[in-house]
Structure formats: structure tokens, C-alpha cells
ModelCIF file with pLDDT and N, C-alpha, C, O atoms, coordinates in Angstrom:
data_MODEL
#
_entry.id   MODEL 
#
_entity.id                         1 
_entity.type                       polymer 
_entity.pdbx_number_of_molecules   1 
#
_entity_poly.entity_id                      1 
_entity_poly.type                           'polypeptide(L)' 
_entity_poly.nstd_linkage                   no 
_entity_poly.nstd_monomer                   no 
_entity_poly.pdbx_seq_one_letter_code       SLAGGRPDRHGEARQAIKHELERSPSRFVISELVRHVLETHPQLIK 
_entity_poly.pdbx_seq_one_letter_code_can   SLAGGRPDRHGEARQAIKHELERSPSRFVISELVRHVLETHPQLIK 
_entity_poly.pdbx_strand_id                 A 
#
loop_
_entity_poly_seq.entity_id 
_entity_poly_seq.num 
_entity_poly_seq.mon_id 
_entity_poly_seq.hetero 
1 1  SER n 
1 2  LEU n 
1 3  ALA n 
1 4  GLY n 
1 5  GLY n 
1 6  ARG n 
1 7  PRO n 
1 8  ASP n 
1 9  ARG n 
1 10 HIS n 
1 11 GLY n 
1 12 GLU n 
1 13 ALA n 
1 14 ARG n 
1 15 GLN n 
1 16 ALA n 
1 17 ILE n 
1 18 LYS n 
1 19 HIS n 
1 20 GLU n 
1 21 LEU n 
1 22 GLU n 
1 23 ARG n 
1 24 SER n 
1 25 PRO n 
1 26 SER n 
1 27 ARG n 
1 28 PHE n 
1 29 VAL n 
1 30 ILE n 
1 31 SER n 
1 32 GLU n 
1 33 LEU n 
1 34 VAL n 
1 35 ARG n 
1 36 HIS n 
1 37 VAL n 
1 38 LEU n 
1 39 GLU n 
1 40 THR n 
1 41 HIS n 
1 42 PRO n 
1 43 GLN n 
1 44 LEU n 
1 45 ILE n 
1 46 LYS n 
#
_struct_asym.id          A 
_struct_asym.entity_id   1 
#
loop_
_ma_qa_metric.id 
_ma_qa_metric.mode 
_ma_qa_metric.name 
_ma_qa_metric.software_group_id 
_ma_qa_metric.type 
1 global pLDDT . pLDDT 
2 local  pLDDT . pLDDT 
#
_ma_qa_metric_global.metric_id      1 
_ma_qa_metric_global.metric_value   83.17 
_ma_qa_metric_global.model_id       1 
_ma_qa_metric_global.ordinal_id     1 
#
loop_
_ma_qa_metric_local.label_asym_id 
_ma_qa_metric_local.label_comp_id 
_ma_qa_metric_local.label_seq_id 
_ma_qa_metric_local.metric_id 
_ma_qa_metric_local.metric_value 
_ma_qa_metric_local.model_id 
_ma_qa_metric_local.ordinal_id 
A SER 1  2 92.00 1 1  
A LEU 2  2 90.00 1 2  
A ALA 3  2 88.00 1 3  
A GLY 4  2 88.00 1 4  
A GLY 5  2 90.00 1 5  
A ARG 6  2 92.00 1 6  
A PRO 7  2 92.00 1 7  
A ASP 8  2 93.00 1 8  
A ARG 9  2 93.00 1 9  
A HIS 10 2 92.00 1 10 
A GLY 11 2 92.00 1 11 
A GLU 12 2 93.00 1 12 
A ALA 13 2 92.00 1 13 
A ARG 14 2 90.00 1 14 
A GLN 15 2 91.00 1 15 
A ALA 16 2 90.00 1 16 
A ILE 17 2 86.00 1 17 
A LYS 18 2 83.00 1 18 
A HIS 19 2 84.00 1 19 
A GLU 20 2 81.00 1 20 
A LEU 21 2 75.00 1 21 
A GLU 22 2 72.00 1 22 
A ARG 23 2 73.00 1 23 
A SER 24 2 64.00 1 24 
A PRO 25 2 58.00 1 25 
A SER 26 2 55.00 1 26 
A ARG 27 2 56.00 1 27 
A PHE 28 2 56.00 1 28 
A VAL 29 2 70.00 1 29 
A ILE 30 2 83.00 1 30 
A SER 31 2 82.00 1 31 
A GLU 32 2 78.00 1 32 
A LEU 33 2 83.00 1 33 
A VAL 34 2 88.00 1 34 
A ARG 35 2 84.00 1 35 
A HIS 36 2 81.00 1 36 
A VAL 37 2 88.00 1 37 
A LEU 38 2 89.00 1 38 
A GLU 39 2 82.00 1 39 
A THR 40 2 82.00 1 40 
A HIS 41 2 88.00 1 41 
A PRO 42 2 87.00 1 42 
A GLN 43 2 89.00 1 43 
A LEU 44 2 91.00 1 44 
A ILE 45 2 92.00 1 45 
A LYS 46 2 88.00 1 46 
#
loop_
_atom_site.group_PDB 
_atom_site.id 
_atom_site.type_symbol 
_atom_site.label_atom_id 
_atom_site.label_alt_id 
_atom_site.label_comp_id 
_atom_site.label_asym_id 
_atom_site.label_entity_id 
_atom_site.label_seq_id 
_atom_site.pdbx_PDB_ins_code 
_atom_site.Cartn_x 
_atom_site.Cartn_y 
_atom_site.Cartn_z 
_atom_site.occupancy 
_atom_site.B_iso_or_equiv 
_atom_site.pdbx_formal_charge 
_atom_site.auth_seq_id 
_atom_site.auth_comp_id 
_atom_site.auth_asym_id 
_atom_site.auth_atom_id 
_atom_site.pdbx_PDB_model_num 
ATOM 1   N N  . SER A 1 1  ? -4.155  1.148   22.081  1.00 92.00 ? 1  SER A N  1 
ATOM 2   C CA . SER A 1 1  ? -5.263  1.745   21.332  1.00 92.00 ? 1  SER A CA 1 
ATOM 3   C C  . SER A 1 1  ? -5.140  3.264   21.357  1.00 92.00 ? 1  SER A C  1 
ATOM 4   O O  . SER A 1 1  ? -4.941  3.859   22.416  1.00 92.00 ? 1  SER A O  1 
ATOM 5   N N  . LEU A 1 2  ? -5.260  3.890   20.184  1.00 90.00 ? 2  LEU A N  1 
ATOM 6   C CA . LEU A 1 2  ? -5.016  5.320   20.059  1.00 90.00 ? 2  LEU A CA 1 
ATOM 7   C C  . LEU A 1 2  ? -6.331  6.087   19.956  1.00 90.00 ? 2  LEU A C  1 
ATOM 8   O O  . LEU A 1 2  ? -7.279  5.648   19.304  1.00 90.00 ? 2  LEU A O  1 
ATOM 9   N N  . ALA A 1 3  ? -6.364  7.246   20.619  1.00 88.00 ? 3  ALA A N  1 
ATOM 10  C CA . ALA A 1 3  ? -7.578  8.057   20.626  1.00 88.00 ? 3  ALA A CA 1 
ATOM 11  C C  . ALA A 1 3  ? -7.900  8.591   19.233  1.00 88.00 ? 3  ALA A C  1 
ATOM 12  O O  . ALA A 1 3  ? -9.065  8.838   18.920  1.00 88.00 ? 3  ALA A O  1 
ATOM 13  N N  . GLY A 1 4  ? -6.889  8.771   18.404  1.00 88.00 ? 4  GLY A N  1 
ATOM 14  C CA . GLY A 1 4  ? -7.112  9.323   17.068  1.00 88.00 ? 4  GLY A CA 1 
ATOM 15  C C  . GLY A 1 4  ? -7.522  8.295   16.035  1.00 88.00 ? 4  GLY A C  1 
ATOM 16  O O  . GLY A 1 4  ? -7.724  8.640   14.871  1.00 88.00 ? 4  GLY A O  1 
ATOM 17  N N  . GLY A 1 5  ? -7.650  7.044   16.435  1.00 90.00 ? 5  GLY A N  1 
ATOM 18  C CA . GLY A 1 5  ? -8.023  6.004   15.490  1.00 90.00 ? 5  GLY A CA 1 
ATOM 19  C C  . GLY A 1 5  ? -9.401  6.235   14.892  1.00 90.00 ? 5  GLY A C  1 
ATOM 20  O O  . GLY A 1 5  ? -10.380 6.358   15.629  1.00 90.00 ? 5  GLY A O  1 
ATOM 21  N N  . ARG A 1 6  ? -9.494  6.295   13.572  1.00 92.00 ? 6  ARG A N  1 
ATOM 22  C CA . ARG A 1 6  ? -10.758 6.502   12.875  1.00 92.00 ? 6  ARG A CA 1 
ATOM 23  C C  . ARG A 1 6  ? -10.854 5.479   11.752  1.00 92.00 ? 6  ARG A C  1 
ATOM 24  O O  . ARG A 1 6  ? -10.343 5.726   10.660  1.00 92.00 ? 6  ARG A O  1 
ATOM 25  N N  . PRO A 1 7  ? -11.493 4.341   11.988  1.00 92.00 ? 7  PRO A N  1 
ATOM 26  C CA . PRO A 1 7  ? -11.532 3.283   10.975  1.00 92.00 ? 7  PRO A CA 1 
ATOM 27  C C  . PRO A 1 7  ? -12.076 3.732   9.627   1.00 92.00 ? 7  PRO A C  1 
ATOM 28  O O  . PRO A 1 7  ? -11.594 3.287   8.585   1.00 92.00 ? 7  PRO A O  1 
ATOM 29  N N  . ASP A 1 8  ? -13.083 4.617   9.635   1.00 93.00 ? 8  ASP A N  1 
ATOM 30  C CA . ASP A 1 8  ? -13.669 5.056   8.369   1.00 93.00 ? 8  ASP A CA 1 
ATOM 31  C C  . ASP A 1 8  ? -12.682 5.874   7.546   1.00 93.00 ? 8  ASP A C  1 
ATOM 32  O O  . ASP A 1 8  ? -12.450 5.573   6.375   1.00 93.00 ? 8  ASP A O  1 
ATOM 33  N N  . ARG A 1 9  ? -12.101 6.907   8.150   1.00 93.00 ? 9  ARG A N  1 
ATOM 34  C CA . ARG A 1 9  ? -11.138 7.753   7.437   1.00 93.00 ? 9  ARG A CA 1 
ATOM 35  C C  . ARG A 1 9  ? -9.860  6.987   7.119   1.00 93.00 ? 9  ARG A C  1 
ATOM 36  O O  . ARG A 1 9  ? -9.231  7.210   6.085   1.00 93.00 ? 9  ARG A O  1 
ATOM 37  N N  . HIS A 1 10 ? -9.485  6.088   8.015   1.00 92.00 ? 10 HIS A N  1 
ATOM 38  C CA . HIS A 1 10 ? -8.292  5.271   7.801   1.00 92.00 ? 10 HIS A CA 1 
ATOM 39  C C  . HIS A 1 10 ? -8.474  4.377   6.580   1.00 92.00 ? 10 HIS A C  1 
ATOM 40  O O  . HIS A 1 10 ? -7.574  4.247   5.750   1.00 92.00 ? 10 HIS A O  1 
ATOM 41  N N  . GLY A 1 11 ? -9.651  3.765   6.482   1.00 92.00 ? 11 GLY A N  1 
ATOM 42  C CA . GLY A 1 11 ? -9.933  2.915   5.331   1.00 92.00 ? 11 GLY A CA 1 
ATOM 43  C C  . GLY A 1 11 ? -9.978  3.701   4.035   1.00 92.00 ? 11 GLY A C  1 
ATOM 44  O O  . GLY A 1 11 ? -9.520  3.222   2.998   1.00 92.00 ? 11 GLY A O  1 
ATOM 45  N N  . GLU A 1 12 ? -10.531 4.913   4.091   1.00 93.00 ? 12 GLU A N  1 
ATOM 46  C CA . GLU A 1 12 ? -10.568 5.757   2.894   1.00 93.00 ? 12 GLU A CA 1 
ATOM 47  C C  . GLU A 1 12 ? -9.162  6.131   2.441   1.00 93.00 ? 12 GLU A C  1 
ATOM 48  O O  . GLU A 1 12 ? -8.871  6.135   1.245   1.00 93.00 ? 12 GLU A O  1 
ATOM 49  N N  . ALA A 1 13 ? -8.289  6.447   3.400   1.00 92.00 ? 13 ALA A N  1 
ATOM 50  C CA . ALA A 1 13 ? -6.906  6.792   3.049   1.00 92.00 ? 13 ALA A CA 1 
ATOM 51  C C  . ALA A 1 13 ? -6.186  5.586   2.446   1.00 92.00 ? 13 ALA A C  1 
ATOM 52  O O  . ALA A 1 13 ? -5.431  5.726   1.483   1.00 92.00 ? 13 ALA A O  1 
ATOM 53  N N  . ARG A 1 14 ? -6.421  4.413   3.012   1.00 90.00 ? 14 ARG A N  1 
ATOM 54  C CA . ARG A 1 14 ? -5.803  3.200   2.475   1.00 90.00 ? 14 ARG A CA 1 
ATOM 55  C C  . ARG A 1 14 ? -6.246  2.963   1.026   1.00 90.00 ? 14 ARG A C  1 
ATOM 56  O O  . ARG A 1 14 ? -5.425  2.659   0.161   1.00 90.00 ? 14 ARG A O  1 
ATOM 57  N N  . GLN A 1 15 ? -7.531  3.102   0.774   1.00 91.00 ? 15 GLN A N  1 
ATOM 58  C CA . GLN A 1 15 ? -8.035  2.888   -0.574  1.00 91.00 ? 15 GLN A CA 1 
ATOM 59  C C  . GLN A 1 15 ? -7.500  3.924   -1.551  1.00 91.00 ? 15 GLN A C  1 
ATOM 60  O O  . GLN A 1 15 ? -7.212  3.605   -2.705  1.00 91.00 ? 15 GLN A O  1 
ATOM 61  N N  . ALA A 1 16 ? -7.368  5.166   -1.090  1.00 90.00 ? 16 ALA A N  1 
ATOM 62  C CA . ALA A 1 16 ? -6.814  6.221   -1.952  1.00 90.00 ? 16 ALA A CA 1 
ATOM 63  C C  . ALA A 1 16 ? -5.368  5.917   -2.323  1.00 90.00 ? 16 ALA A C  1 
ATOM 64  O O  . ALA A 1 16 ? -4.953  6.130   -3.462  1.00 90.00 ? 16 ALA A O  1 
ATOM 65  N N  . ILE A 1 17 ? -4.609  5.421   -1.360  1.00 86.00 ? 17 ILE A N  1 
ATOM 66  C CA . ILE A 1 17 ? -3.205  5.081   -1.620  1.00 86.00 ? 17 ILE A CA 1 
ATOM 67  C C  . ILE A 1 17 ? -3.120  3.933   -2.619  1.00 86.00 ? 17 ILE A C  1 
ATOM 68  O O  . ILE A 1 17 ? -2.350  3.995   -3.577  1.00 86.00 ? 17 ILE A O  1 
ATOM 69  N N  . LYS A 1 18 ? -3.909  2.888   -2.395  1.00 83.00 ? 18 LYS A N  1 
ATOM 70  C CA . LYS A 1 18 ? -3.874  1.744   -3.297  1.00 83.00 ? 18 LYS A CA 1 
ATOM 71  C C  . LYS A 1 18 ? -4.362  2.124   -4.697  1.00 83.00 ? 18 LYS A C  1 
ATOM 72  O O  . LYS A 1 18 ? -3.845  1.635   -5.701  1.00 83.00 ? 18 LYS A O  1 
ATOM 73  N N  . HIS A 1 19 ? -5.364  3.000   -4.745  1.00 84.00 ? 19 HIS A N  1 
ATOM 74  C CA . HIS A 1 19 ? -5.872  3.437   -6.045  1.00 84.00 ? 19 HIS A CA 1 
ATOM 75  C C  . HIS A 1 19 ? -4.795  4.203   -6.806  1.00 84.00 ? 19 HIS A C  1 
ATOM 76  O O  . HIS A 1 19 ? -4.649  4.037   -8.017  1.00 84.00 ? 19 HIS A O  1 
ATOM 77  N N  . GLU A 1 20 ? -4.048  5.034   -6.103  1.00 81.00 ? 20 GLU A N  1 
ATOM 78  C CA . GLU A 1 20 ? -2.985  5.799   -6.751  1.00 81.00 ? 20 GLU A CA 1 
ATOM 79  C C  . GLU A 1 20 ? -1.898  4.880   -7.286  1.00 81.00 ? 20 GLU A C  1 
ATOM 80  O O  . GLU A 1 20 ? -1.353  5.114   -8.365  1.00 81.00 ? 20 GLU A O  1 
ATOM 81  N N  . LEU A 1 21 ? -1.590  3.849   -6.539  1.00 75.00 ? 21 LEU A N  1 
ATOM 82  C CA . LEU A 1 21 ? -0.594  2.875   -6.993  1.00 75.00 ? 21 LEU A CA 1 
ATOM 83  C C  . LEU A 1 21 ? -1.063  2.174   -8.265  1.00 75.00 ? 21 LEU A C  1 
ATOM 84  O O  . LEU A 1 21 ? -0.284  1.965   -9.195  1.00 75.00 ? 21 LEU A O  1 
ATOM 85  N N  . GLU A 1 22 ? -2.340  1.816   -8.293  1.00 72.00 ? 22 GLU A N  1 
ATOM 86  C CA . GLU A 1 22 ? -2.885  1.092   -9.444  1.00 72.00 ? 22 GLU A CA 1 
ATOM 87  C C  . GLU A 1 22 ? -3.159  2.014   -10.636 1.00 72.00 ? 22 GLU A C  1 
ATOM 88  O O  . GLU A 1 22 ? -3.022  1.607   -11.790 1.00 72.00 ? 22 GLU A O  1 
ATOM 89  N N  . ARG A 1 23 ? -3.547  3.259   -10.342 1.00 73.00 ? 23 ARG A N  1 
ATOM 90  C CA . ARG A 1 23 ? -3.954  4.185   -11.403 1.00 73.00 ? 23 ARG A CA 1 
ATOM 91  C C  . ARG A 1 23 ? -2.779  4.720   -12.203 1.00 73.00 ? 23 ARG A C  1 
ATOM 92  O O  . ARG A 1 23 ? -2.902  4.966   -13.403 1.00 73.00 ? 23 ARG A O  1 
ATOM 93  N N  . SER A 1 24 ? -1.641  4.899   -11.546 1.00 64.00 ? 24 SER A N  1 
ATOM 94  C CA . SER A 1 24 ? -0.501  5.541   -12.195 1.00 64.00 ? 24 SER A CA 1 
ATOM 95  C C  . SER A 1 24 ? 0.742   4.673   -12.111 1.00 64.00 ? 24 SER A C  1 
ATOM 96  O O  . SER A 1 24 ? 1.747   5.095   -11.538 1.00 64.00 ? 24 SER A O  1 
ATOM 97  N N  . PRO A 1 25 ? 0.696   3.466   -12.671 1.00 58.00 ? 25 PRO A N  1 
ATOM 98  C CA . PRO A 1 25 ? 1.858   2.583   -12.553 1.00 58.00 ? 25 PRO A CA 1 
ATOM 99  C C  . PRO A 1 25 ? 3.117   3.149   -13.191 1.00 58.00 ? 25 PRO A C  1 
ATOM 100 O O  . PRO A 1 25 ? 4.229   2.802   -12.790 1.00 58.00 ? 25 PRO A O  1 
ATOM 101 N N  . SER A 1 26 ? 2.945   4.037   -14.201 1.00 55.00 ? 26 SER A N  1 
ATOM 102 C CA . SER A 1 26 ? 4.124   4.600   -14.852 1.00 55.00 ? 26 SER A CA 1 
ATOM 103 C C  . SER A 1 26 ? 4.919   5.505   -13.915 1.00 55.00 ? 26 SER A C  1 
ATOM 104 O O  . SER A 1 26 ? 6.113   5.724   -14.119 1.00 55.00 ? 26 SER A O  1 
ATOM 105 N N  . ARG A 1 27 ? 4.246   6.036   -12.876 1.00 56.00 ? 27 ARG A N  1 
ATOM 106 C CA . ARG A 1 27 ? 4.935   6.923   -11.938 1.00 56.00 ? 27 ARG A CA 1 
ATOM 107 C C  . ARG A 1 27 ? 5.763   6.142   -10.938 1.00 56.00 ? 27 ARG A C  1 
ATOM 108 O O  . ARG A 1 27 ? 6.686   6.696   -10.341 1.00 56.00 ? 27 ARG A O  1 
ATOM 109 N N  . PHE A 1 28 ? 5.460   4.880   -10.743 1.00 56.00 ? 28 PHE A N  1 
ATOM 110 C CA . PHE A 1 28 ? 6.123   4.102   -9.717  1.00 56.00 ? 28 PHE A CA 1 
ATOM 111 C C  . PHE A 1 28 ? 6.810   2.912   -10.384 1.00 56.00 ? 28 PHE A C  1 
ATOM 112 O O  . PHE A 1 28 ? 6.153   1.986   -10.859 1.00 56.00 ? 28 PHE A O  1 
ATOM 113 N N  . VAL A 1 29 ? 8.119   2.954   -10.412 1.00 70.00 ? 29 VAL A N  1 
ATOM 114 C CA . VAL A 1 29 ? 8.884   1.938   -11.121 1.00 70.00 ? 29 VAL A CA 1 
ATOM 115 C C  . VAL A 1 29 ? 8.529   0.548   -10.598 1.00 70.00 ? 29 VAL A C  1 
ATOM 116 O O  . VAL A 1 29 ? 8.243   0.367   -9.414  1.00 70.00 ? 29 VAL A O  1 
ATOM 117 N N  . ILE A 1 30 ? 8.552   -0.405  -11.485 1.00 83.00 ? 30 ILE A N  1 
ATOM 118 C CA . ILE A 1 30 ? 8.122   -1.763  -11.151 1.00 83.00 ? 30 ILE A CA 1 
ATOM 119 C C  . ILE A 1 30 ? 8.993   -2.386  -10.074 1.00 83.00 ? 30 ILE A C  1 
ATOM 120 O O  . ILE A 1 30 ? 8.519   -3.204  -9.285  1.00 83.00 ? 30 ILE A O  1 
ATOM 121 N N  . SER A 1 31 ? 10.265  -2.004  -10.036 1.00 82.00 ? 31 SER A N  1 
ATOM 122 C CA . SER A 1 31 ? 11.135  -2.563  -8.998  1.00 82.00 ? 31 SER A CA 1 
ATOM 123 C C  . SER A 1 31 ? 10.652  -2.188  -7.610  1.00 82.00 ? 31 SER A C  1 
ATOM 124 O O  . SER A 1 31 ? 10.787  -2.975  -6.673  1.00 82.00 ? 31 SER A O  1 
ATOM 125 N N  . GLU A 1 32 ? 10.079  -0.974  -7.462  1.00 78.00 ? 32 GLU A N  1 
ATOM 126 C CA . GLU A 1 32 ? 9.574   -0.570  -6.158  1.00 78.00 ? 32 GLU A CA 1 
ATOM 127 C C  . GLU A 1 32 ? 8.306   -1.334  -5.802  1.00 78.00 ? 32 GLU A C  1 
ATOM 128 O O  . GLU A 1 32 ? 8.065   -1.624  -4.630  1.00 78.00 ? 32 GLU A O  1 
ATOM 129 N N  . LEU A 1 33 ? 7.504   -1.659  -6.791  1.00 83.00 ? 33 LEU A N  1 
ATOM 130 C CA . LEU A 1 33 ? 6.323   -2.470  -6.518  1.00 83.00 ? 33 LEU A CA 1 
ATOM 131 C C  . LEU A 1 33 ? 6.715   -3.891  -6.117  1.00 83.00 ? 33 LEU A C  1 
ATOM 132 O O  . LEU A 1 33 ? 6.066   -4.501  -5.268  1.00 83.00 ? 33 LEU A O  1 
ATOM 133 N N  . VAL A 1 34 ? 7.771   -4.412  -6.725  1.00 88.00 ? 34 VAL A N  1 
ATOM 134 C CA . VAL A 1 34 ? 8.275   -5.730  -6.328  1.00 88.00 ? 34 VAL A CA 1 
ATOM 135 C C  . VAL A 1 34 ? 8.772   -5.684  -4.889  1.00 88.00 ? 34 VAL A C  1 
ATOM 136 O O  . VAL A 1 34 ? 8.491   -6.591  -4.105  1.00 88.00 ? 34 VAL A O  1 
ATOM 137 N N  . ARG A 1 35 ? 9.510   -4.630  -4.538  1.00 84.00 ? 35 ARG A N  1 
ATOM 138 C CA . ARG A 1 35 ? 9.964   -4.476  -3.143  1.00 84.00 ? 35 ARG A CA 1 
ATOM 139 C C  . ARG A 1 35 ? 8.768   -4.476  -2.197  1.00 84.00 ? 35 ARG A C  1 
ATOM 140 O O  . ARG A 1 35 ? 8.776   -5.133  -1.156  1.00 84.00 ? 35 ARG A O  1 
ATOM 141 N N  . HIS A 1 36 ? 7.748   -3.728  -2.580  1.00 81.00 ? 36 HIS A N  1 
ATOM 142 C CA . HIS A 1 36 ? 6.566   -3.611  -1.718  1.00 81.00 ? 36 HIS A CA 1 
ATOM 143 C C  . HIS A 1 36 ? 5.919   -4.974  -1.489  1.00 81.00 ? 36 HIS A C  1 
ATOM 144 O O  . HIS A 1 36 ? 5.528   -5.300  -0.368  1.00 81.00 ? 36 HIS A O  1 
ATOM 145 N N  . VAL A 1 37 ? 5.808   -5.758  -2.541  1.00 88.00 ? 37 VAL A N  1 
ATOM 146 C CA . VAL A 1 37 ? 5.212   -7.095  -2.412  1.00 88.00 ? 37 VAL A CA 1 
ATOM 147 C C  . VAL A 1 37 ? 6.057   -7.964  -1.488  1.00 88.00 ? 37 VAL A C  1 
ATOM 148 O O  . VAL A 1 37 ? 5.517   -8.643  -0.615  1.00 88.00 ? 37 VAL A O  1 
ATOM 149 N N  . LEU A 1 38 ? 7.363   -7.952  -1.670  1.00 89.00 ? 38 LEU A N  1 
ATOM 150 C CA . LEU A 1 38 ? 8.241   -8.789  -0.854  1.00 89.00 ? 38 LEU A CA 1 
ATOM 151 C C  . LEU A 1 38 ? 8.236   -8.354  0.611   1.00 89.00 ? 38 LEU A C  1 
ATOM 152 O O  . LEU A 1 38 ? 8.311   -9.190  1.512   1.00 89.00 ? 38 LEU A O  1 
ATOM 153 N N  . GLU A 1 39 ? 8.146   -7.043  0.845   1.00 82.00 ? 39 GLU A N  1 
ATOM 154 C CA . GLU A 1 39 ? 8.146   -6.542  2.217   1.00 82.00 ? 39 GLU A CA 1 
ATOM 155 C C  . GLU A 1 39 ? 6.836   -6.836  2.932   1.00 82.00 ? 39 GLU A C  1 
ATOM 156 O O  . GLU A 1 39 ? 6.824   -7.042  4.146   1.00 82.00 ? 39 GLU A O  1 
ATOM 157 N N  . THR A 1 40 ? 5.736   -6.856  2.193   1.00 82.00 ? 40 THR A N  1 
ATOM 158 C CA . THR A 1 40 ? 4.430   -7.070  2.815   1.00 82.00 ? 40 THR A CA 1 
ATOM 159 C C  . THR A 1 40 ? 3.959   -8.519  2.733   1.00 82.00 ? 40 THR A C  1 
ATOM 160 O O  . THR A 1 40 ? 2.945   -8.874  3.335   1.00 82.00 ? 40 THR A O  1 
ATOM 161 N N  . HIS A 1 41 ? 4.684   -9.361  1.993   1.00 88.00 ? 41 HIS A N  1 
ATOM 162 C CA . HIS A 1 41 ? 4.372   -10.795 1.893   1.00 88.00 ? 41 HIS A CA 1 
ATOM 163 C C  . HIS A 1 41 ? 5.655   -11.591 2.165   1.00 88.00 ? 41 HIS A C  1 
ATOM 164 O O  . HIS A 1 41 ? 6.210   -12.191 1.245   1.00 88.00 ? 41 HIS A O  1 
ATOM 165 N N  . PRO A 1 42 ? 6.131   -11.602 3.415   1.00 87.00 ? 42 PRO A N  1 
ATOM 166 C CA . PRO A 1 42 ? 7.429   -12.246 3.700   1.00 87.00 ? 42 PRO A CA 1 
ATOM 167 C C  . PRO A 1 42 ? 7.493   -13.713 3.298   1.00 87.00 ? 42 PRO A C  1 
ATOM 168 O O  . PRO A 1 42 ? 8.581   -14.262 3.120   1.00 87.00 ? 42 PRO A O  1 
ATOM 169 N N  . GLN A 1 43 ? 6.328   -14.355 3.155   1.00 89.00 ? 43 GLN A N  1 
ATOM 170 C CA . GLN A 1 43 ? 6.342   -15.763 2.755   1.00 89.00 ? 43 GLN A CA 1 
ATOM 171 C C  . GLN A 1 43 ? 6.821   -15.923 1.315   1.00 89.00 ? 43 GLN A C  1 
ATOM 172 O O  . GLN A 1 43 ? 7.186   -17.027 0.910   1.00 89.00 ? 43 GLN A O  1 
ATOM 173 N N  . LEU A 1 44 ? 6.827   -14.845 0.539   1.00 91.00 ? 44 LEU A N  1 
ATOM 174 C CA . LEU A 1 44 ? 7.272   -14.910 -0.851  1.00 91.00 ? 44 LEU A CA 1 
ATOM 175 C C  . LEU A 1 44 ? 8.776   -14.710 -1.000  1.00 91.00 ? 44 LEU A C  1 
ATOM 176 O O  . LEU A 1 44 ? 9.318   -14.876 -2.093  1.00 91.00 ? 44 LEU A O  1 
ATOM 177 N N  . ILE A 1 45 ? 9.453   -14.356 0.090   1.00 92.00 ? 45 ILE A N  1 
ATOM 178 C CA . ILE A 1 45 ? 10.875  -14.026 0.005   1.00 92.00 ? 45 ILE A CA 1 
ATOM 179 C C  . ILE A 1 45 ? 11.696  -15.202 -0.517  1.00 92.00 ? 45 ILE A C  1 
ATOM 180 O O  . ILE A 1 45 ? 12.662  -15.005 -1.255  1.00 92.00 ? 45 ILE A O  1 
ATOM 181 N N  . LYS A 1 46 ? 11.318  -16.418 -0.140  1.00 88.00 ? 46 LYS A N  1 
ATOM 182 C CA . LYS A 1 46 ? 12.107  -17.563 -0.582  1.00 88.00 ? 46 LYS A CA 1 
ATOM 183 C C  . LYS A 1 46 ? 11.517  -18.213 -1.835  1.00 88.00 ? 46 LYS A C  1 
ATOM 184 O O  . LYS A 1 46 ? 12.064  -19.194 -2.338  1.00 88.00 ? 46 LYS A O  1 
#
């Protein structure tokens, strides 16, 4: 457990990152989004 852990600010940063991914899909090539899905959902690899 880390002393700097801040669930509120951490959640806000997570939402900002996800919003940026969704808001500007043209900036992030679709192949990278596919990689992201496969890396974060290992059950989809097969």
C-alpha cells in the first residue's frame, strides 16, 4: 500500500485517459487500440 494513493484523483486521471481515447480516435491508430484490448483482456487472445 502506497502513501501517495489517492482514489479520487486516480479515478479522475483514469477517466480523463479513457475519455481522450474515445474522444480522438483519429489520433490513435486502430491497431494500437486492438493491442490494448488484447493486452488488457487476455481471455480474448485465443
